[in-house]
Amino acid sequence: MDSPKVSVILSLYRAERFLRRYLENVLEQTLCDRLELSIVHNDPTESERAILDGFASRISMVRCEVPRENL
């Protein structure tokens, strides 16, 4: 029997300061091989994109970039 996948929804806006450590923490989880990040990225910066690109080969992620939205 296959293990279930775990989906994590992550909404980002100006998160560069925290993003690298967050993704490193995801890699440290025992579920990492079954985890998928669904990222809604509000008005991403180039540096935030670069950080996510650097982890893309190690973490399963689906990215959706959107213009700045209010809640």
PDB file of N, CA and C in Angstrom:
ATOM      1  N   MET A   1       0.841  -1.192   0.000  1.00  0.00           N
ATOM      2  CA  MET A   1       0.000   0.000   0.000  1.00  0.00           C
ATOM      3  C   MET A   1       0.880   1.248   0.000  1.00  0.00           C
ATOM      4  N   ASP A   2       0.588   2.164  -0.889  1.00  0.00           N
ATOM      5  CA  ASP A   2       1.351   3.403  -0.959  1.00  0.00           C
ATOM      6  C   ASP A   2       1.015   4.303   0.215  1.00  0.00           C
ATOM      7  N   SER A   3       2.028   5.004   0.692  1.00  0.00           N
ATOM      8  CA  SER A   3       1.809   5.983   1.750  1.00  0.00           C
ATOM      9  C   SER A   3       1.090   7.190   1.168  1.00  0.00           C
ATOM     10  N   PRO A   4       0.217   7.801   1.953  1.00  0.00           N
ATOM     11  CA  PRO A   4      -0.479   8.984   1.439  1.00  0.00           C
ATOM     12  C   PRO A   4       0.465  10.158   1.262  1.00  0.00           C
ATOM     13  N   LYS A   5       0.124  11.014   0.309  1.00  0.00           N
ATOM     14  CA  LYS A   5       0.878  12.259   0.123  1.00  0.00           C
ATOM     15  C   LYS A   5       0.392  13.283   1.124  1.00  0.00           C
ATOM     16  N   VAL A   6       1.260  14.207   1.427  1.00  0.00           N
ATOM     17  CA  VAL A   6       0.929  15.304   2.328  1.00  0.00           C
ATOM     18  C   VAL A   6       1.066  16.586   1.522  1.00  0.00           C
ATOM     19  N   SER A   7      -0.011  17.361   1.460  1.00  0.00           N
ATOM     20  CA  SER A   7       0.017  18.634   0.751  1.00  0.00           C
ATOM     21  C   SER A   7       0.079  19.772   1.751  1.00  0.00           C
ATOM     22  N   VAL A   8       0.942  20.714   1.463  1.00  0.00           N
ATOM     23  CA  VAL A   8       1.079  21.909   2.302  1.00  0.00           C
ATOM     24  C   VAL A   8       0.834  23.112   1.409  1.00  0.00           C
ATOM     25  N   ILE A   9      -0.107  23.960   1.806  1.00  0.00           N
ATOM     26  CA  ILE A   9      -0.384  25.185   1.060  1.00  0.00           C
ATOM     27  C   ILE A   9       0.354  26.317   1.747  1.00  0.00           C
ATOM     28  N   LEU A  10       1.124  27.041   0.957  1.00  0.00           N
ATOM     29  CA  LEU A  10       1.957  28.113   1.483  1.00  0.00           C
ATOM     30  C   LEU A  10       1.679  29.385   0.696  1.00  0.00           C
ATOM     31  N   SER A  11       1.230  30.425   1.394  1.00  0.00           N
ATOM     32  CA  SER A  11       1.007  31.711   0.767  1.00  0.00           C
ATOM     33  C   SER A  11       2.186  32.613   1.117  1.00  0.00           C
ATOM     34  N   LEU A  12       2.797  33.199   0.087  1.00  0.00           N
ATOM     35  CA  LEU A  12       3.994  34.010   0.301  1.00  0.00           C
ATOM     36  C   LEU A  12       3.787  35.444  -0.157  1.00  0.00           C
ATOM     37  N   TYR A  13       4.308  36.355   0.623  1.00  0.00           N
ATOM     38  CA  TYR A  13       4.418  37.754   0.217  1.00  0.00           C
ATOM     39  C   TYR A  13       5.590  38.355   0.977  1.00  0.00           C
ATOM     40  N   ARG A  14       6.603  38.777   0.247  1.00  0.00           N
ATOM     41  CA  ARG A  14       7.812  39.366   0.830  1.00  0.00           C
ATOM     42  C   ARG A  14       8.363  38.474   1.960  1.00  0.00           C
ATOM     43  N   ALA A  15       8.638  37.235   1.596  1.00  0.00           N
ATOM     44  CA  ALA A  15       9.065  36.235   2.582  1.00  0.00           C
ATOM     45  C   ALA A  15      10.534  35.859   2.453  1.00  0.00           C
ATOM     46  N   GLU A  16      11.292  36.623   1.696  1.00  0.00           N
ATOM     47  CA  GLU A  16      12.683  36.264   1.435  1.00  0.00           C
ATOM     48  C   GLU A  16      13.456  35.982   2.720  1.00  0.00           C
ATOM     49  N   ARG A  17      13.253  36.776   3.712  1.00  0.00           N
ATOM     50  CA  ARG A  17      13.980  36.658   4.979  1.00  0.00           C
ATOM     51  C   ARG A  17      13.794  35.293   5.652  1.00  0.00           C
ATOM     52  N   PHE A  18      12.633  34.666   5.438  1.00  0.00           N
ATOM     53  CA  PHE A  18      12.303  33.406   6.116  1.00  0.00           C
ATOM     54  C   PHE A  18      12.306  32.194   5.198  1.00  0.00           C
ATOM     55  N   LEU A  19      12.284  32.428   3.906  1.00  0.00           N
ATOM     56  CA  LEU A  19      12.010  31.366   2.949  1.00  0.00           C
ATOM     57  C   LEU A  19      13.047  30.260   2.930  1.00  0.00           C
ATOM     58  N   ARG A  20      14.319  30.605   2.897  1.00  0.00           N
ATOM     59  CA  ARG A  20      15.375  29.579   2.835  1.00  0.00           C
ATOM     60  C   ARG A  20      15.302  28.642   4.042  1.00  0.00           C
ATOM     61  N   ARG A  21      15.158  29.194   5.243  1.00  0.00           N
ATOM     62  CA  ARG A  21      15.099  28.356   6.449  1.00  0.00           C
ATOM     63  C   ARG A  21      13.839  27.494   6.457  1.00  0.00           C
ATOM     64  N   TYR A  22      12.739  28.053   5.980  1.00  0.00           N
ATOM     65  CA  TYR A  22      11.497  27.287   5.897  1.00  0.00           C
ATOM     66  C   TYR A  22      11.693  26.060   5.005  1.00  0.00           C
ATOM     67  N   LEU A  23      12.280  26.258   3.842  1.00  0.00           N
ATOM     68  CA  LEU A  23      12.488  25.151   2.908  1.00  0.00           C
ATOM     69  C   LEU A  23      13.511  24.145   3.442  1.00  0.00           C
ATOM     70  N   GLU A  24      14.530  24.615   4.124  1.00  0.00           N
ATOM     71  CA  GLU A  24      15.480  23.698   4.768  1.00  0.00           C
ATOM     72  C   GLU A  24      14.765  22.843   5.811  1.00  0.00           C
ATOM     73  N   ASN A  25      13.850  23.456   6.546  1.00  0.00           N
ATOM     74  CA  ASN A  25      13.078  22.728   7.551  1.00  0.00           C
ATOM     75  C   ASN A  25      12.197  21.665   6.896  1.00  0.00           C
ATOM     76  N   VAL A  26      11.615  21.978   5.749  1.00  0.00           N
ATOM     77  CA  VAL A  26      10.812  20.988   5.023  1.00  0.00           C
ATOM     78  C   VAL A  26      11.669  19.770   4.694  1.00  0.00           C
ATOM     79  N   LEU A  27      12.898  20.000   4.247  1.00  0.00           N
ATOM     80  CA  LEU A  27      13.788  18.891   3.904  1.00  0.00           C
ATOM     81  C   LEU A  27      14.158  18.036   5.107  1.00  0.00           C
ATOM     82  N   GLU A  28      14.100  18.598   6.292  1.00  0.00           N
ATOM     83  CA  GLU A  28      14.435  17.872   7.509  1.00  0.00           C
ATOM     84  C   GLU A  28      13.292  16.990   8.007  1.00  0.00           C
ATOM     85  N   GLN A  29      12.098  17.157   7.469  1.00  0.00           N
ATOM     86  CA  GLN A  29      10.944  16.398   7.925  1.00  0.00           C
ATOM     87  C   GLN A  29      11.017  14.951   7.449  1.00  0.00           C
ATOM     88  N   THR A  30      10.536  14.044   8.279  1.00  0.00           N
ATOM     89  CA  THR A  30      10.540  12.638   7.906  1.00  0.00           C
ATOM     90  C   THR A  30       9.576  12.353   6.754  1.00  0.00           C
ATOM     91  N   LEU A  31       8.625  13.233   6.518  1.00  0.00           N
ATOM     92  CA  LEU A  31       7.665  13.066   5.427  1.00  0.00           C
ATOM     93  C   LEU A  31       8.131  13.665   4.112  1.00  0.00           C
ATOM     94  N   CYS A  32       9.294  14.230   4.078  1.00  0.00           N
ATOM     95  CA  CYS A  32       9.738  15.033   2.925  1.00  0.00           C
ATOM     96  C   CYS A  32       9.520  14.321   1.595  1.00  0.00           C
ATOM     97  N   ASP A  33       9.742  13.028   1.540  1.00  0.00           N
ATOM     98  CA  ASP A  33       9.587  12.303   0.277  1.00  0.00           C
ATOM     99  C   ASP A  33       8.130  12.167  -0.154  1.00  0.00           C
ATOM    100  N   ARG A  34       7.183  12.431   0.754  1.00  0.00           N
ATOM    101  CA  ARG A  34       5.754  12.353   0.431  1.00  0.00           C
ATOM    102  C   ARG A  34       5.090  13.716   0.433  1.00  0.00           C
ATOM    103  N   LEU A  35       5.864  14.762   0.604  1.00  0.00           N
ATOM    104  CA  LEU A  35       5.331  16.106   0.759  1.00  0.00           C
ATOM    105  C   LEU A  35       5.305  16.865  -0.558  1.00  0.00           C
ATOM    106  N   GLU A  36       4.243  17.626  -0.772  1.00  0.00           N
ATOM    107  CA  GLU A  36       4.158  18.515  -1.924  1.00  0.00           C
ATOM    108  C   GLU A  36       3.755  19.896  -1.428  1.00  0.00           C
ATOM    109  N   LEU A  37       4.533  20.895  -1.804  1.00  0.00           N
ATOM    110  CA  LEU A  37       4.210  22.275  -1.464  1.00  0.00           C
ATOM    111  C   LEU A  37       3.404  22.893  -2.589  1.00  0.00           C
ATOM    112  N   SER A  38       2.271  23.479  -2.251  1.00  0.00           N
ATOM    113  CA  SER A  38       1.485  24.273  -3.194  1.00  0.00           C
ATOM    114  C   SER A  38       1.676  25.720  -2.773  1.00  0.00           C
ATOM    115  N   ILE A  39       2.373  26.480  -3.601  1.00  0.00           N
ATOM    116  CA  ILE A  39       2.776  27.839  -3.225  1.00  0.00           C
ATOM    117  C   ILE A  39       1.991  28.859  -4.028  1.00  0.00           C
ATOM    118  N   VAL A  40       1.309  29.752  -3.314  1.00  0.00           N
ATOM    119  CA  VAL A  40       0.665  30.907  -3.926  1.00  0.00           C
ATOM    120  C   VAL A  40       1.571  32.085  -3.593  1.00  0.00           C
ATOM    121  N   HIS A  41       2.208  32.616  -4.616  1.00  0.00           N
ATOM    122  CA  HIS A  41       3.255  33.607  -4.416  1.00  0.00           C
ATOM    123  C   HIS A  41       2.771  34.978  -4.886  1.00  0.00           C
ATOM    124  N   ASN A  42       2.477  35.836  -3.933  1.00  0.00           N
ATOM    125  CA  ASN A  42       1.993  37.182  -4.223  1.00  0.00           C
ATOM    126  C   ASN A  42       3.148  38.106  -4.574  1.00  0.00           C
ATOM    127  N   ASP A  43       3.120  38.649  -5.785  1.00  0.00           N
ATOM    128  CA  ASP A  43       4.087  39.650  -6.233  1.00  0.00           C
ATOM    129  C   ASP A  43       5.532  39.258  -5.883  1.00  0.00           C
ATOM    130  N   PRO A  44       6.006  38.101  -6.391  1.00  0.00           N
ATOM    131  CA  PRO A  44       7.335  37.604  -6.008  1.00  0.00           C
ATOM    132  C   PRO A  44       8.477  38.491  -6.483  1.00  0.00           C
ATOM    133  N   THR A  45       9.526  38.522  -5.679  1.00  0.00           N
ATOM    134  CA  THR A  45      10.749  39.217  -6.067  1.00  0.00           C
ATOM    135  C   THR A  45      11.667  38.224  -6.783  1.00  0.00           C
ATOM    136  N   GLU A  46      12.637  38.744  -7.506  1.00  0.00           N
ATOM    137  CA  GLU A  46      13.596  37.870  -8.195  1.00  0.00           C
ATOM    138  C   GLU A  46      14.373  37.013  -7.201  1.00  0.00           C
ATOM    139  N   SER A  47      14.716  37.567  -6.055  1.00  0.00           N
ATOM    140  CA  SER A  47      15.481  36.786  -5.070  1.00  0.00           C
ATOM    141  C   SER A  47      14.627  35.671  -4.463  1.00  0.00           C
ATOM    142  N   GLU A  48      13.344  35.908  -4.281  1.00  0.00           N
ATOM    143  CA  GLU A  48      12.459  34.843  -3.786  1.00  0.00           C
ATOM    144  C   GLU A  48      12.343  33.734  -4.832  1.00  0.00           C
ATOM    145  N   ARG A  49      12.210  34.121  -6.087  1.00  0.00           N
ATOM    146  CA  ARG A  49      12.160  33.119  -7.169  1.00  0.00           C
ATOM    147  C   ARG A  49      13.448  32.287  -7.190  1.00  0.00           C
ATOM    148  N   ALA A  50      14.574  32.946  -7.017  1.00  0.00           N
ATOM    149  CA  ALA A  50      15.870  32.245  -7.041  1.00  0.00           C
ATOM    150  C   ALA A  50      15.970  31.239  -5.893  1.00  0.00           C
ATOM    151  N   ILE A  51      15.489  31.612  -4.728  1.00  0.00           N
ATOM    152  CA  ILE A  51      15.516  30.687  -3.588  1.00  0.00           C
ATOM    153  C   ILE A  51      14.667  29.460  -3.896  1.00  0.00           C
ATOM    154  N   LEU A  52      13.454  29.680  -4.384  1.00  0.00           N
ATOM    155  CA  LEU A  52      12.576  28.555  -4.721  1.00  0.00           C
ATOM    156  C   LEU A  52      13.188  27.695  -5.824  1.00  0.00           C
ATOM    157  N   ASP A  53      13.780  28.321  -6.823  1.00  0.00           N
ATOM    158  CA  ASP A  53      14.436  27.568  -7.896  1.00  0.00           C
ATOM    159  C   ASP A  53      15.550  26.685  -7.345  1.00  0.00           C
ATOM    160  N   GLY A  54      16.257  27.168  -6.347  1.00  0.00           N
ATOM    161  CA  GLY A  54      17.348  26.408  -5.742  1.00  0.00           C
ATOM    162  C   GLY A  54      16.895  25.154  -5.006  1.00  0.00           C
ATOM    163  N   PHE A  55      15.642  25.127  -4.585  1.00  0.00           N
ATOM    164  CA  PHE A  55      15.111  23.968  -3.860  1.00  0.00           C
ATOM    165  C   PHE A  55      14.221  23.093  -4.745  1.00  0.00           C
ATOM    166  N   ALA A  56      13.916  23.532  -5.940  1.00  0.00           N
ATOM    167  CA  ALA A  56      12.944  22.851  -6.798  1.00  0.00           C
ATOM    168  C   ALA A  56      13.315  21.408  -7.126  1.00  0.00           C
ATOM    169  N   SER A  57      14.582  21.092  -7.175  1.00  0.00           N
ATOM    170  CA  SER A  57      14.972  19.712  -7.493  1.00  0.00           C
ATOM    171  C   SER A  57      14.892  18.793  -6.274  1.00  0.00           C
ATOM    172  N   ARG A  58      14.757  19.374  -5.082  1.00  0.00           N
ATOM    173  CA  ARG A  58      14.739  18.553  -3.858  1.00  0.00           C
ATOM    174  C   ARG A  58      13.379  18.484  -3.179  1.00  0.00           C
ATOM    175  N   ILE A  59      12.480  19.406  -3.517  1.00  0.00           N
ATOM    176  CA  ILE A  59      11.154  19.443  -2.910  1.00  0.00           C
ATOM    177  C   ILE A  59      10.121  19.493  -4.030  1.00  0.00           C
ATOM    178  N   SER A  60       9.132  18.637  -3.945  1.00  0.00           N
ATOM    179  CA  SER A  60       8.041  18.686  -4.911  1.00  0.00           C
ATOM    180  C   SER A  60       7.212  19.938  -4.639  1.00  0.00           C
ATOM    181  N   MET A  61       7.104  20.806  -5.638  1.00  0.00           N
ATOM    182  CA  MET A  61       6.333  22.031  -5.428  1.00  0.00           C
ATOM    183  C   MET A  61       5.587  22.438  -6.686  1.00  0.00           C
ATOM    184  N   VAL A  62       4.417  23.015  -6.446  1.00  0.00           N
ATOM    185  CA  VAL A  62       3.605  23.611  -7.494  1.00  0.00           C
ATOM    186  C   VAL A  62       3.537  25.089  -7.157  1.00  0.00           C
ATOM    187  N   ARG A  63       3.931  25.931  -8.111  1.00  0.00           N
ATOM    188  CA  ARG A  63       4.001  27.368  -7.841  1.00  0.00           C
ATOM    189  C   ARG A  63       3.005  28.124  -8.697  1.00  0.00           C
ATOM    190  N   CYS A  64       2.318  29.061  -8.052  1.00  0.00           N
ATOM    191  CA  CYS A  64       1.380  29.926  -8.748  1.00  0.00           C
ATOM    192  C   CYS A  64       1.725  31.372  -8.362  1.00  0.00           C
ATOM    193  N   GLU A  65       2.184  32.129  -9.331  1.00  0.00           N
ATOM    194  CA  GLU A  65       2.507  33.524  -9.069  1.00  0.00           C
ATOM    195  C   GLU A  65       1.301  34.390  -9.406  1.00  0.00           C
ATOM    196  N   VAL A  66       0.964  35.283  -8.499  1.00  0.00           N
ATOM    197  CA  VAL A  66      -0.185  36.171  -8.693  1.00  0.00           C
ATOM    198  C   VAL A  66       0.254  37.609  -8.393  1.00  0.00           C
ATOM    199  N   PRO A  67      -0.414  38.589  -9.000  1.00  0.00           N
ATOM    200  CA  PRO A  67      -0.113  39.981  -8.644  1.00  0.00           C
ATOM    201  C   PRO A  67      -0.534  40.229  -7.201  1.00  0.00           C
ATOM    202  N   ARG A  68      -0.057  41.277  -6.636  1.00  0.00           N
ATOM    203  CA  ARG A  68      -0.365  41.609  -5.240  1.00  0.00           C
ATOM    204  C   ARG A  68      -1.868  41.650  -5.041  1.00  0.00           C
ATOM    205  N   GLU A  69      -2.339  40.873  -4.061  1.00  0.00           N
ATOM    206  CA  GLU A  69      -3.770  40.820  -3.748  1.00  0.00           C
ATOM    207  C   GLU A  69      -3.989  41.173  -2.283  1.00  0.00           C
ATOM    208  N   ASN A  70      -5.029  41.877  -2.025  1.00  0.00           N
ATOM    209  CA  ASN A  70      -5.433  42.124  -0.639  1.00  0.00           C
ATOM    210  C   ASN A  70      -6.246  40.943  -0.147  1.00  0.00           C
ATOM    211  N   LEU A  71      -6.291  40.778   1.151  1.00  0.00           N
ATOM    212  CA  LEU A  71      -7.083  39.667   1.702  1.00  0.00           C
ATOM    213  C   LEU A  71      -8.551  39.882   1.505  1.00  0.00           C
TER     214      LEU A  71
END
